Amino acid sequence: MSAPDLARALSAAREAADAAAEVIRHYWRRGVDVEIKSDDTPVTVADREAELAIREVLEKALPEAAIYGEEFGLDDRARELMWLVDPLDGTKSFVRRTPFFSTQIALMHRGELVLGVSSAPVYGETLWASAGGGTWFEGERVRVAATEAMAQASISTGNVKTLTRDARWDALGALIRDSNRIRGYGDFCHYHLLARGGLDLVIESDVNILDVAALAVIVREAGGVFTDLDGEPLNLDTRSVLAGTPALHAEALARFRAALRS
């Protein structure tokens, strides 16, 4: 994409996130009923209306792009440009009145993630990034920490249920023992902290690409490394995350690969 086209797309993504935030704040104040989808995950009117608000903005700004949304699916996989949208990532937190939920909007160009907006309207934090443009938070460019030694590392884990049945589970335990501290911020929060230098390594084994596509761009443009647990780049089938400062990502990946070989 050209720089002007990318800038136009980023502006649209930020506008769409703001439109979703209005919907989400409205239902946050009044409360919602919860339905259970066929995959046993919850959904609410806030999820659906927020996605419709996002789609309205994105379709008008970039009609040539497909949209893959959490609630209304994918309209055309064949296009070179594809929006990846999770209007309310963290619905379980939303319905339990916990502010750890967000709107995630990313753009993929020919299979490459090129921009991301992560908006947490009740938590009160938005980060955005575009390829070559850096990562921005409250009007300032941010970067990951310079941490290189595991002994100084702050690690955060999200959902690691699948990893408990994996050969890498003991390797994760060793990483935790060797680190400075372990936390479980989860959802958008630990990726925001990673991108602005607040922690150093994030590990998750149970995610959806819509949960993390925007966050991958945000972390990468802040100088971090963001792959799946096998060290592979993200795609539409991604289900795990290893993200961190360059040195700590490399060390964690080497340990996980050794665990699989043993």
Protein backbone atom coordinates (compact mmCIF):
# COMPACT_ATOMS: atom_id res chain seq x y z
CA MET A 1 0.00 0.00 0.00
CA SER A 2 1.13 3.54 -0.64
CA ALA A 3 1.78 5.79 2.36
CA PRO A 4 -1.27 7.99 1.64
CA ASP A 5 -3.53 4.92 1.32
CA LEU A 6 -2.18 3.51 4.57
CA ALA A 7 -2.71 6.83 6.34
CA ARG A 8 -6.28 6.97 5.03
CA ALA A 9 -6.94 3.44 6.23
CA LEU A 10 -5.50 4.16 9.67
CA SER A 11 -7.68 7.24 10.01
CA ALA A 12 -10.74 5.13 9.11
CA ALA A 13 -9.79 2.43 11.62
CA ARG A 14 -9.47 4.99 14.41
CA GLU A 15 -12.81 6.54 13.45
CA ALA A 16 -14.41 3.07 13.44
CA ALA A 17 -12.97 2.30 16.87
CA ASP A 18 -14.44 5.55 18.19
CA ALA A 19 -17.84 4.63 16.75
CA ALA A 20 -17.67 1.24 18.46
CA ALA A 21 -16.67 2.90 21.73
CA GLU A 22 -19.88 4.91 21.75
CA VAL A 23 -21.94 1.75 21.41
CA ILE A 24 -19.95 -0.11 24.04
CA ARG A 25 -20.11 2.69 26.61
CA HIS A 26 -23.88 2.93 26.10
CA TYR A 27 -24.43 -0.73 26.92
CA TRP A 28 -21.79 -0.73 29.66
CA ARG A 29 -23.89 1.79 31.57
CA ARG A 30 -27.24 0.05 31.12
CA GLY A 31 -26.24 -3.64 31.08
CA VAL A 32 -27.06 -6.35 28.53
CA ASP A 33 -28.51 -9.82 28.21
CA VAL A 34 -26.09 -12.56 27.22
CA GLU A 35 -26.52 -15.21 24.52
CA ILE A 36 -24.31 -18.24 23.98
CA LYS A 37 -23.07 -18.87 20.45
CA SER A 38 -22.60 -22.28 18.85
CA ASP A 39 -18.92 -22.28 19.95
CA ASP A 40 -20.01 -21.79 23.59
CA THR A 41 -18.73 -18.21 23.74
CA PRO A 42 -20.94 -15.33 24.89
CA VAL A 43 -22.29 -12.58 22.66
CA THR A 44 -24.39 -9.50 23.40
CA VAL A 45 -26.19 -6.76 21.54
CA ALA A 46 -23.15 -4.58 22.29
CA ASP A 47 -20.89 -6.93 20.28
CA ARG A 48 -23.23 -6.93 17.28
CA GLU A 49 -24.05 -3.22 17.24
CA ALA A 50 -20.40 -2.29 17.72
CA GLU A 51 -19.41 -4.41 14.73
CA LEU A 52 -22.14 -2.86 12.59
CA ALA A 53 -20.89 0.61 13.56
CA ILE A 54 -17.35 -0.39 12.61
CA ARG A 55 -18.42 -1.91 9.30
CA GLU A 56 -20.33 1.22 8.33
CA VAL A 57 -17.22 3.37 8.71
CA LEU A 58 -14.80 0.92 7.08
CA GLU A 59 -17.02 0.12 4.10
CA LYS A 60 -17.40 3.80 3.33
CA ALA A 61 -13.71 4.63 3.73
CA LEU A 62 -12.25 1.59 1.94
CA PRO A 63 -14.94 -0.13 -0.16
CA GLU A 64 -12.36 -2.26 -1.95
CA ALA A 65 -11.48 -4.13 1.27
CA ALA A 66 -13.15 -7.28 2.61
CA ILE A 67 -14.21 -7.34 6.23
CA TYR A 68 -13.73 -10.35 8.49
CA GLY A 69 -15.64 -9.69 11.71
CA GLU A 70 -16.15 -11.73 14.85
CA GLU A 71 -19.95 -11.46 14.74
CA PHE A 72 -20.80 -11.29 11.01
CA GLY A 73 -18.02 -13.33 9.43
CA LEU A 74 -16.04 -12.78 6.25
CA ASP A 75 -17.67 -11.26 3.20
CA ASP A 76 -14.99 -11.91 0.55
CA ARG A 77 -11.75 -13.76 1.27
CA ALA A 78 -10.36 -13.21 -2.24
CA ARG A 79 -9.65 -9.50 -1.96
CA GLU A 80 -6.10 -8.15 -1.54
CA LEU A 81 -7.20 -5.97 1.38
CA MET A 82 -8.99 -7.43 4.40
CA TRP A 83 -10.10 -5.80 7.64
CA LEU A 84 -9.91 -8.04 10.72
CA VAL A 85 -12.40 -6.88 13.34
CA ASP A 86 -13.24 -7.98 16.85
CA PRO A 87 -15.74 -5.36 18.02
CA LEU A 88 -15.70 -6.42 21.66
CA ASP A 89 -12.79 -8.69 22.49
CA GLY A 90 -13.35 -9.80 26.08
CA THR A 91 -17.12 -10.18 26.16
CA LYS A 92 -16.84 -12.33 29.30
CA SER A 93 -15.18 -9.42 31.08
CA PHE A 94 -17.75 -6.98 29.68
CA VAL A 95 -20.74 -8.89 31.02
CA ARG A 96 -19.08 -9.32 34.42
CA ARG A 97 -18.48 -5.57 34.67
CA THR A 98 -14.71 -5.87 34.42
CA PRO A 99 -13.07 -3.24 32.16
CA PHE A 100 -10.61 -5.61 30.46
CA PHE A 101 -12.21 -5.67 27.03
CA SER A 102 -11.40 -3.84 23.82
CA THR A 103 -12.14 -3.21 20.17
CA GLN A 104 -9.56 -4.66 17.80
CA ILE A 105 -9.26 -3.48 14.19
CA ALA A 106 -6.44 -4.55 11.85
CA LEU A 107 -5.84 -4.37 8.12
CA MET A 108 -4.20 -7.14 6.12
CA HIS A 109 -2.71 -6.43 2.67
CA ARG A 110 -1.88 -9.49 0.57
CA GLY A 111 -1.61 -11.56 3.74
CA GLU A 112 0.54 -9.05 5.61
CA LEU A 113 -0.75 -7.15 8.63
CA VAL A 114 -0.13 -3.46 7.97
CA LEU A 115 -2.05 -1.52 10.64
CA GLY A 116 -3.75 -2.00 13.95
CA VAL A 117 -5.94 -0.07 16.36
CA SER A 118 -6.61 -1.37 19.86
CA SER A 119 -9.21 0.63 21.78
CA ALA A 120 -10.22 -0.12 25.38
CA PRO A 121 -12.95 2.50 25.89
CA VAL A 122 -13.85 1.84 29.53
CA TYR A 123 -10.27 1.08 30.59
CA GLY A 124 -9.41 4.36 28.89
CA GLU A 125 -6.53 3.43 26.60
CA THR A 126 -6.02 3.32 22.83
CA LEU A 127 -2.90 2.36 20.90
CA TRP A 128 -2.45 2.35 17.14
CA ALA A 129 0.27 1.56 14.64
CA SER A 130 0.92 1.23 10.93
CA ALA A 131 3.72 -0.39 8.96
CA GLY A 132 6.76 1.86 9.13
CA GLY A 133 4.89 4.48 11.15
CA GLY A 134 5.63 3.33 14.68
CA THR A 135 3.28 2.77 17.61
CA TRP A 136 1.42 5.62 19.26
CA PHE A 137 -0.19 6.10 22.66
CA GLU A 138 -1.69 9.38 23.87
CA GLY A 139 0.08 11.33 21.13
CA GLU A 140 3.52 9.91 21.85
CA ARG A 141 5.48 7.24 20.04
CA VAL A 142 6.21 4.26 22.30
CA ARG A 143 8.67 1.37 22.24
CA VAL A 144 9.19 -1.95 23.96
CA ALA A 145 11.69 -2.14 26.81
CA ALA A 146 15.35 -2.87 26.23
CA THR A 147 15.26 -5.92 28.53
CA GLU A 148 17.60 -8.69 27.37
CA ALA A 149 18.10 -10.98 30.40
CA MET A 150 15.41 -13.36 31.58
CA ALA A 151 16.38 -12.59 35.17
CA GLN A 152 15.10 -9.04 34.66
CA ALA A 153 12.03 -10.01 32.65
CA SER A 154 8.39 -9.39 33.50
CA ILE A 155 6.27 -12.12 31.89
CA SER A 156 2.51 -12.11 31.39
CA THR A 157 0.36 -15.06 30.39
CA GLY A 158 -3.14 -15.07 28.97
CA ASN A 159 -5.16 -18.20 28.28
CA VAL A 160 -2.69 -21.11 28.43
CA LYS A 161 -5.13 -24.00 28.94
CA THR A 162 -3.97 -25.88 25.84
CA LEU A 163 -0.33 -25.38 26.80
CA THR A 164 -0.90 -27.37 30.01
CA ARG A 165 -1.17 -30.49 27.80
CA ASP A 166 1.90 -29.58 25.74
CA ALA A 167 5.55 -30.58 26.07
CA ARG A 168 6.32 -26.88 26.45
CA TRP A 169 4.44 -26.58 29.75
CA ASP A 170 7.54 -27.43 31.81
CA ALA A 171 9.56 -25.00 29.70
CA LEU A 172 7.08 -22.27 30.61
CA GLY A 173 7.57 -23.17 34.27
CA ALA A 174 11.32 -22.80 33.85
CA LEU A 175 10.87 -19.41 32.18
CA ILE A 176 8.77 -18.28 35.12
CA ARG A 177 11.34 -19.53 37.64
CA ASP A 178 14.12 -17.72 35.79
CA SER A 179 12.23 -14.45 35.34
CA ASN A 180 11.93 -11.44 37.60
CA ARG A 181 8.13 -11.72 37.96
CA ILE A 182 5.04 -13.28 36.44
CA ARG A 183 1.66 -11.64 35.90
CA GLY A 184 -1.53 -12.51 34.04
CA TYR A 185 -2.84 -9.24 32.64
CA GLY A 186 -4.56 -10.93 29.71
CA ASP A 187 -6.56 -9.67 26.73
CA PHE A 188 -5.39 -6.36 25.23
CA CYS A 189 -3.76 -5.20 28.45
CA HIS A 190 -0.51 -7.12 28.43
CA TYR A 191 0.12 -6.30 24.77
CA HIS A 192 -0.37 -2.61 25.47
CA LEU A 193 2.07 -2.89 28.38
CA LEU A 194 4.56 -4.76 26.21
CA ALA A 195 4.39 -2.16 23.44
CA ARG A 196 5.02 0.74 25.83
CA GLY A 197 7.75 -0.92 27.88
CA GLY A 198 5.72 -2.05 30.88
CA LEU A 199 6.57 -5.76 30.58
CA ASP A 200 8.77 -7.93 28.42
CA LEU A 201 7.19 -11.20 27.30
CA VAL A 202 3.62 -12.39 26.59
CA ILE A 203 2.62 -16.04 26.16
CA GLU A 204 -0.79 -17.39 25.10
CA SER A 205 -1.83 -20.74 23.68
CA ASP A 206 -5.53 -20.17 23.03
CA VAL A 207 -6.36 -17.15 20.87
CA ASN A 208 -8.13 -16.26 17.65
CA ILE A 209 -6.48 -14.16 14.93
CA LEU A 210 -9.14 -11.47 15.42
CA ASP A 211 -8.05 -11.16 19.06
CA VAL A 212 -4.44 -10.34 18.25
CA ALA A 213 -4.03 -9.10 14.66
CA ALA A 214 -4.07 -5.41 15.57
CA LEU A 215 -1.93 -6.04 18.65
CA ALA A 216 0.69 -7.79 16.52
CA VAL A 217 1.19 -4.65 14.44
CA ILE A 218 1.27 -2.51 17.58
CA VAL A 219 3.96 -4.65 19.23
CA ARG A 220 6.06 -5.00 16.08
CA GLU A 221 6.03 -1.30 15.30
CA ALA A 222 7.10 -0.66 18.88
CA GLY A 223 10.22 -2.75 18.24
CA GLY A 224 9.00 -6.08 19.59
CA VAL A 225 8.68 -9.51 18.00
CA PHE A 226 5.25 -11.13 17.62
CA THR A 227 4.80 -14.70 16.36
CA ASP A 228 2.90 -17.81 17.32
CA LEU A 229 4.42 -20.24 19.83
CA ASP A 230 6.20 -22.05 16.99
CA GLY A 231 7.87 -18.84 15.86
CA GLU A 232 5.73 -18.62 12.73
CA PRO A 233 4.23 -15.38 11.41
CA LEU A 234 0.54 -14.76 12.01
CA ASN A 235 -2.14 -15.85 9.56
CA LEU A 236 -5.90 -16.36 9.64
CA ASP A 237 -5.46 -19.71 11.40
CA THR A 238 -3.16 -18.48 14.20
CA ARG A 239 -4.12 -19.86 17.62
CA SER A 240 -1.17 -18.96 19.89
CA VAL A 241 1.17 -16.06 20.67
CA LEU A 242 4.76 -15.51 21.70
CA ALA A 243 5.48 -11.79 21.85
CA GLY A 244 8.29 -9.90 23.49
CA THR A 245 11.43 -7.87 23.30
CA PRO A 246 13.72 -9.26 20.59
CA ALA A 247 16.16 -10.91 23.02
CA LEU A 248 13.53 -12.46 25.27
CA HIS A 249 11.38 -13.66 22.38
CA ALA A 250 14.42 -15.41 20.91
CA GLU A 251 15.31 -17.06 24.23
CA ALA A 252 11.76 -18.20 24.96
CA LEU A 253 11.33 -19.59 21.44
CA ALA A 254 14.61 -21.52 21.71
CA ARG A 255 13.49 -23.03 25.02
CA PHE A 256 10.10 -24.03 23.63
CA ARG A 257 11.64 -25.61 20.56
CA ALA A 258 14.10 -27.55 22.74
CA ALA A 259 11.19 -28.81 24.85
CA LEU A 260 9.45 -30.16 21.75
CA ARG A 261 12.62 -31.95 20.64
CA SER A 262 13.29 -33.62 24.00
